[in-house]
Protein backbone atom coordinates (compact mmCIF):
# COMPACT_ATOMS: atom_id res chain seq x y z
CA MET A 1 111.74 81.71 80.06
CA ALA A 2 108.90 83.80 81.38
CA LYS A 3 111.07 87.45 81.66
CA GLY A 4 107.58 89.69 80.34
CA ILE A 5 105.68 88.56 84.01
CA LYS A 6 104.60 91.72 85.99
CA VAL A 7 102.52 91.69 89.27
CA GLY A 8 98.89 90.27 88.56
CA ASP A 9 99.74 88.13 85.78
CA GLU A 10 98.29 84.46 85.71
CA VAL A 11 100.59 81.66 85.25
CA ALA A 12 101.09 78.61 85.64
CA ILE A 13 103.73 76.09 87.57
CA MET A 14 104.13 72.50 86.53
CA ALA A 15 105.00 70.58 89.48
CA THR A 16 105.10 66.59 90.24
CA VAL A 17 103.03 64.78 92.30
CA ARG A 18 104.55 63.17 95.15
CA ARG A 19 101.85 60.94 96.59
CA ARG A 20 98.39 61.18 97.59
CA VAL A 21 97.92 62.10 101.23
CA THR A 22 93.76 61.46 101.89
CA ASP A 23 91.19 60.66 99.26
CA ASP A 24 90.58 64.67 98.39
CA ARG A 25 94.30 65.78 98.88
CA ILE A 26 97.09 65.09 97.42
CA SER A 27 100.80 66.45 97.69
CA VAL A 28 103.16 67.84 95.12
CA SER A 29 106.70 68.91 94.77
CA ILE A 30 107.54 72.47 92.92
CA PRO A 31 110.25 72.94 91.13
CA SER A 32 112.47 75.55 92.97
CA TYR A 33 110.14 75.72 95.95
CA GLY A 34 112.27 74.45 98.86
CA PHE A 35 108.82 72.70 100.35
CA PRO A 36 106.29 69.92 99.83
CA HIS A 37 102.84 71.70 99.11
CA SER A 38 99.21 70.10 99.07
CA ILE A 39 96.38 71.05 97.46
CA VAL A 40 92.94 70.11 96.62
CA ASP A 41 92.41 67.29 94.15
CA LYS A 42 88.39 65.64 94.36
CA THR A 43 88.00 65.25 90.66
CA SER A 44 90.83 63.15 89.28
CA LYS A 45 92.86 60.14 89.86
CA VAL A 46 96.55 61.28 89.51
CA LYS A 47 99.29 58.94 90.60
CA LYS A 48 102.92 59.66 91.85
CA GLY A 49 105.36 61.04 89.57
CA GLN A 50 102.76 62.59 87.26
CA PRO A 51 102.80 66.44 86.35
CA ILE A 52 99.90 68.32 87.05
CA GLU A 53 99.55 72.19 86.58
CA LEU A 54 99.28 74.49 88.82
CA THR A 55 97.54 78.37 88.36
CA GLY A 56 97.54 81.44 90.47
CA ASP A 57 98.63 85.36 90.08
CA VAL A 58 101.46 86.98 90.48
CA THR A 59 101.45 88.94 94.44
CA HIS A 60 105.76 89.93 94.63
CA ILE A 61 108.03 90.24 92.44
CA ASP A 62 111.74 90.27 93.78
CA GLY A 63 114.84 89.94 91.00
CA ASP A 64 114.15 86.56 89.82
CA TRP A 65 112.29 85.03 92.34
CA VAL A 66 108.37 85.48 91.81
CA THR A 67 105.53 84.72 94.44
CA VAL A 68 101.95 83.14 93.60
CA ASN A 69 99.17 82.84 95.09
CA LEU A 70 98.17 79.09 94.83
CA GLY A 71 95.97 80.04 97.87
CA VAL A 72 98.98 80.21 99.92
CA PRO A 73 101.88 82.10 98.74
CA VAL A 74 104.71 80.39 97.12
CA THR A 75 107.99 82.05 96.39
CA VAL A 76 109.75 80.11 93.17
CA ASN A 77 112.29 80.65 90.30
CA MET A 78 111.28 83.03 87.27
CA ASP A 79 112.40 80.56 84.92
CA THR A 80 109.73 77.90 86.34
CA LEU A 81 106.25 79.66 85.55
CA ARG A 82 104.34 80.15 81.94
CA LEU A 83 102.50 83.32 81.53
CA VAL A 84 98.68 82.29 80.99
CA THR A 85 97.08 85.56 81.33
CA ALA A 86 98.51 88.99 81.51
CA TYR A 87 97.11 91.66 83.56
CA ALA A 88 94.52 94.48 82.17
CA PRO A 89 93.69 97.54 84.36
CA PRO A 90 90.07 97.87 84.70
CA LYS A 91 89.05 100.48 81.40
CA ARG A 92 87.61 103.59 82.34
CA LYS A 93 84.34 104.65 81.58
CA THR A 94 83.90 107.50 79.05
CA LEU A 95 81.39 110.45 80.89
CA MET A 96 78.35 110.28 78.06
CA ASP A 97 76.98 114.16 79.44
CA LYS A 98 76.80 116.54 75.96
CA PRO A 99 78.32 119.98 77.03
CA THR A 100 75.28 122.04 77.56
């Protein structure tokens, strides 16, 4: 689905809400990531089973496995990601000095 992903890109992962842990924290299930993940969610009142979108930056690519920084590194399959913003390196400034 997302074969054009490179290091530095901002990507999104669709996760499913497992349960509310506390008033400001929920547990989510991320596809192709074998562990539960907990995120801070103070504003919304999501329910169990609802999808939620998590965004983060790509930090490492190893074949079909991509490590995304969601506050902590999470390694998932590349097919579960959606490209949000491609990384654009900073532009160099041109010199404004005139030859003398």
